[in-house]
């Protein structure tokens, strides 16, 4: 996430946009596009993961509290 935009900036500055009038501006835009692609890749991979992939027991039993305590919207009232 850190190195790809910097590498893209210098590749754009010296190779891709060296003949343009403002090569640093074009290279900066290229680096921003690469950074946005990297961030969107992270977001896509986060949404593509299984919701219950880290649970110990992958059964559909709702009364199974061995994996973790229920909190927030999943917490049940006991009173």
N, C-alpha and C. Protein backbone atom coordinates (compact mmCIF):
# COMPACT_ATOMS: atom_id res chain seq x y z
N UNK A 1 0.83 -1.18 0.00
CA UNK A 1 0.00 0.00 0.00
C UNK A 1 0.88 1.25 0.00
N UNK A 2 2.05 1.13 0.51
CA UNK A 2 2.94 2.27 0.60
C UNK A 2 3.88 2.36 -0.60
N UNK A 3 4.38 1.23 -1.04
CA UNK A 3 5.43 1.26 -2.06
C UNK A 3 4.91 1.36 -3.48
N UNK A 4 3.75 0.77 -3.77
CA UNK A 4 3.25 0.80 -5.14
C UNK A 4 2.99 2.21 -5.68
N UNK A 5 2.36 3.11 -4.91
CA UNK A 5 2.19 4.48 -5.45
C UNK A 5 3.51 5.22 -5.65
N UNK A 6 4.48 4.98 -4.79
CA UNK A 6 5.78 5.65 -4.94
C UNK A 6 6.51 5.10 -6.18
N UNK A 7 6.48 3.79 -6.35
CA UNK A 7 7.08 3.20 -7.54
C UNK A 7 6.36 3.70 -8.79
N UNK A 8 5.04 3.77 -8.74
CA UNK A 8 4.27 4.28 -9.88
C UNK A 8 4.59 5.73 -10.19
N UNK A 9 4.82 6.54 -9.15
CA UNK A 9 5.18 7.94 -9.38
C UNK A 9 6.49 8.05 -10.13
N UNK A 10 7.50 7.34 -9.67
CA UNK A 10 8.81 7.43 -10.32
C UNK A 10 8.83 6.78 -11.70
N UNK A 11 8.07 5.70 -11.89
CA UNK A 11 7.97 5.11 -13.23
C UNK A 11 7.27 6.08 -14.19
N UNK A 12 6.22 6.72 -13.68
CA UNK A 12 5.52 7.71 -14.51
C UNK A 12 6.37 8.92 -14.80
N UNK A 13 7.16 9.35 -13.84
CA UNK A 13 8.00 10.54 -14.00
C UNK A 13 9.11 10.30 -15.02
N UNK A 14 9.74 9.15 -14.97
CA UNK A 14 10.90 8.92 -15.82
C UNK A 14 10.59 8.20 -17.13
N UNK A 15 9.50 7.43 -17.18
CA UNK A 15 9.25 6.62 -18.38
C UNK A 15 7.94 6.97 -19.08
N UNK A 16 6.84 7.01 -18.34
CA UNK A 16 5.53 7.17 -18.98
C UNK A 16 5.24 8.61 -19.42
N UNK A 17 5.52 9.56 -18.56
CA UNK A 17 5.12 10.96 -18.81
C UNK A 17 6.32 11.89 -18.96
N UNK A 18 7.45 11.38 -19.35
CA UNK A 18 8.64 12.24 -19.44
C UNK A 18 8.54 13.25 -20.57
N UNK A 19 7.74 13.00 -21.58
CA UNK A 19 7.60 13.92 -22.72
C UNK A 19 6.47 14.92 -22.53
N UNK A 20 5.70 14.81 -21.48
CA UNK A 20 4.59 15.75 -21.23
C UNK A 20 5.15 17.08 -20.73
N UNK A 21 4.29 18.09 -20.71
CA UNK A 21 4.72 19.41 -20.27
C UNK A 21 4.93 19.46 -18.75
N UNK A 22 4.06 18.81 -18.00
CA UNK A 22 4.17 18.75 -16.54
C UNK A 22 4.25 17.29 -16.09
N UNK A 23 5.41 16.66 -16.16
CA UNK A 23 5.48 15.22 -15.83
C UNK A 23 5.23 14.93 -14.36
N UNK A 24 5.54 15.86 -13.45
CA UNK A 24 5.30 15.59 -12.03
C UNK A 24 3.81 15.57 -11.71
N UNK A 25 3.04 16.43 -12.35
CA UNK A 25 1.60 16.43 -12.12
C UNK A 25 0.96 15.15 -12.64
N UNK A 26 1.34 14.74 -13.85
CA UNK A 26 0.82 13.50 -14.41
C UNK A 26 1.24 12.30 -13.57
N UNK A 27 2.45 12.29 -13.09
CA UNK A 27 2.94 11.19 -12.26
C UNK A 27 2.22 11.16 -10.91
N UNK A 28 1.94 12.32 -10.36
CA UNK A 28 1.18 12.38 -9.11
C UNK A 28 -0.22 11.84 -9.27
N UNK A 29 -0.87 12.19 -10.37
CA UNK A 29 -2.21 11.66 -10.63
C UNK A 29 -2.14 10.14 -10.80
N UNK A 30 -1.11 9.67 -11.49
CA UNK A 30 -0.93 8.23 -11.68
C UNK A 30 -0.73 7.53 -10.34
N UNK A 31 0.03 8.14 -9.43
CA UNK A 31 0.25 7.55 -8.11
C UNK A 31 -1.04 7.52 -7.29
N UNK A 32 -1.87 8.54 -7.43
CA UNK A 32 -3.15 8.57 -6.71
C UNK A 32 -4.07 7.48 -7.24
N UNK A 33 -4.08 7.28 -8.54
CA UNK A 33 -4.90 6.21 -9.13
C UNK A 33 -4.43 4.85 -8.63
N UNK A 34 -3.14 4.64 -8.56
CA UNK A 34 -2.61 3.37 -8.05
C UNK A 34 -2.99 3.18 -6.58
N UNK A 35 -2.89 4.24 -5.78
CA UNK A 35 -3.27 4.13 -4.36
C UNK A 35 -4.75 3.80 -4.22
N UNK A 36 -5.60 4.39 -5.05
CA UNK A 36 -7.03 4.08 -4.99
C UNK A 36 -7.30 2.64 -5.42
N UNK A 37 -6.54 2.13 -6.37
CA UNK A 37 -6.69 0.74 -6.78
C UNK A 37 -6.29 -0.21 -5.65
N UNK A 38 -5.24 0.13 -4.94
CA UNK A 38 -4.80 -0.71 -3.81
C UNK A 38 -5.84 -0.70 -2.70
N UNK A 39 -6.38 0.45 -2.38
CA UNK A 39 -7.40 0.55 -1.33
C UNK A 39 -8.66 -0.20 -1.74
N UNK A 40 -9.07 -0.07 -2.99
CA UNK A 40 -10.26 -0.79 -3.43
C UNK A 40 -10.02 -2.30 -3.43
N UNK A 41 -8.80 -2.73 -3.67
CA UNK A 41 -8.48 -4.15 -3.56
C UNK A 41 -8.61 -4.65 -2.14
N UNK A 42 -8.17 -3.85 -1.18
CA UNK A 42 -8.33 -4.23 0.23
C UNK A 42 -9.80 -4.29 0.62
N UNK A 43 -10.59 -3.34 0.16
CA UNK A 43 -12.03 -3.33 0.48
C UNK A 43 -12.71 -4.54 -0.15
N UNK A 44 -12.37 -4.84 -1.40
CA UNK A 44 -12.96 -6.01 -2.06
C UNK A 44 -12.60 -7.30 -1.32
N UNK A 45 -11.35 -7.43 -0.92
CA UNK A 45 -10.95 -8.65 -0.21
C UNK A 45 -11.61 -8.76 1.15
N UNK A 46 -11.89 -7.62 1.79
CA UNK A 46 -12.58 -7.65 3.08
C UNK A 46 -14.02 -8.09 2.92
N UNK A 47 -14.69 -7.65 1.86
CA UNK A 47 -16.07 -8.06 1.65
C UNK A 47 -16.17 -9.47 1.08
N UNK A 48 -15.13 -9.98 0.48
CA UNK A 48 -15.16 -11.31 -0.11
C UNK A 48 -14.91 -12.41 0.92
N UNK A 49 -14.46 -12.08 2.11
CA UNK A 49 -14.20 -13.08 3.14
C UNK A 49 -15.50 -13.66 3.67
N UNK A 50 -15.41 -14.89 4.18
CA UNK A 50 -16.55 -15.50 4.83
C UNK A 50 -16.85 -14.77 6.13
N UNK A 51 -18.13 -14.65 6.46
CA UNK A 51 -18.50 -13.98 7.70
C UNK A 51 -18.14 -14.79 8.92
N UNK A 52 -18.23 -16.11 8.80
CA UNK A 52 -17.97 -16.97 9.95
C UNK A 52 -16.74 -17.83 9.70
N UNK A 53 -15.76 -17.33 8.98
CA UNK A 53 -14.59 -18.11 8.65
C UNK A 53 -13.67 -18.32 9.82
N UNK A 54 -13.71 -17.44 10.81
CA UNK A 54 -12.81 -17.55 11.95
C UNK A 54 -13.41 -18.27 13.14
N UNK A 55 -14.63 -18.75 13.02
CA UNK A 55 -15.27 -19.42 14.15
C UNK A 55 -14.69 -20.81 14.33
N UNK A 56 -14.68 -21.26 15.56
CA UNK A 56 -14.13 -22.57 15.88
C UNK A 56 -15.04 -23.67 15.34
N UNK A 57 -16.33 -23.54 15.55
CA UNK A 57 -17.29 -24.56 15.14
C UNK A 57 -18.22 -23.93 14.10
N UNK A 58 -18.23 -24.42 12.88
CA UNK A 58 -19.02 -23.81 11.80
C UNK A 58 -20.42 -24.37 11.70
N UNK A 59 -21.02 -24.82 12.77
CA UNK A 59 -22.39 -25.31 12.75
C UNK A 59 -23.34 -24.13 12.77
N UNK A 60 -24.57 -24.37 12.32
CA UNK A 60 -25.58 -23.31 12.30
C UNK A 60 -26.38 -23.25 13.59
N UNK A 61 -25.91 -23.86 14.64
CA UNK A 61 -26.60 -23.86 15.92
C UNK A 61 -26.50 -22.48 16.56
N UNK A 62 -27.65 -21.83 16.81
CA UNK A 62 -27.63 -20.48 17.37
C UNK A 62 -27.33 -20.46 18.87
N UNK A 63 -27.51 -21.57 19.55
CA UNK A 63 -27.27 -21.61 20.99
C UNK A 63 -25.82 -21.96 21.32
N UNK A 64 -24.97 -22.09 20.35
CA UNK A 64 -23.58 -22.44 20.56
C UNK A 64 -22.79 -21.17 20.87
N UNK A 65 -22.40 -20.99 22.13
CA UNK A 65 -21.67 -19.80 22.55
C UNK A 65 -20.19 -20.09 22.79
N UNK A 66 -19.65 -21.15 22.24
CA UNK A 66 -18.27 -21.50 22.47
C UNK A 66 -17.29 -20.60 21.72
N UNK A 67 -17.70 -20.07 20.57
CA UNK A 67 -16.77 -19.29 19.75
C UNK A 67 -16.43 -17.96 20.41
N UNK A 68 -17.43 -17.21 20.83
CA UNK A 68 -17.21 -15.91 21.44
C UNK A 68 -18.50 -15.44 22.09
N UNK A 69 -18.40 -14.55 23.04
CA UNK A 69 -19.64 -14.03 23.64
C UNK A 69 -20.37 -13.14 22.64
N UNK A 70 -21.68 -13.14 22.73
CA UNK A 70 -22.48 -12.31 21.83
C UNK A 70 -22.52 -10.88 22.37
N UNK A 71 -22.30 -9.93 21.48
CA UNK A 71 -22.29 -8.52 21.86
C UNK A 71 -23.09 -7.74 20.85
N UNK A 72 -23.51 -6.55 21.23
CA UNK A 72 -24.20 -5.65 20.31
C UNK A 72 -25.56 -6.17 19.90
N UNK A 73 -25.82 -6.19 18.60
CA UNK A 73 -27.12 -6.62 18.08
C UNK A 73 -27.35 -8.11 18.25
N UNK A 74 -26.30 -8.90 18.45
CA UNK A 74 -26.43 -10.35 18.58
C UNK A 74 -26.63 -10.80 20.04
N UNK A 75 -26.54 -9.87 20.98
CA UNK A 75 -26.65 -10.21 22.39
C UNK A 75 -28.12 -10.48 22.72
N UNK A 76 -28.33 -11.50 23.54
CA UNK A 76 -29.69 -11.83 23.98
C UNK A 76 -29.88 -11.39 25.41
N UNK A 77 -31.09 -10.92 25.67
CA UNK A 77 -31.41 -10.52 27.04
C UNK A 77 -31.65 -11.76 27.89
N UNK A 78 -31.18 -11.74 29.12
CA UNK A 78 -31.35 -12.90 29.99
C UNK A 78 -32.21 -12.60 31.20
N UNK A 79 -32.81 -11.42 31.26
CA UNK A 79 -33.62 -11.08 32.43
C UNK A 79 -35.05 -11.44 32.27
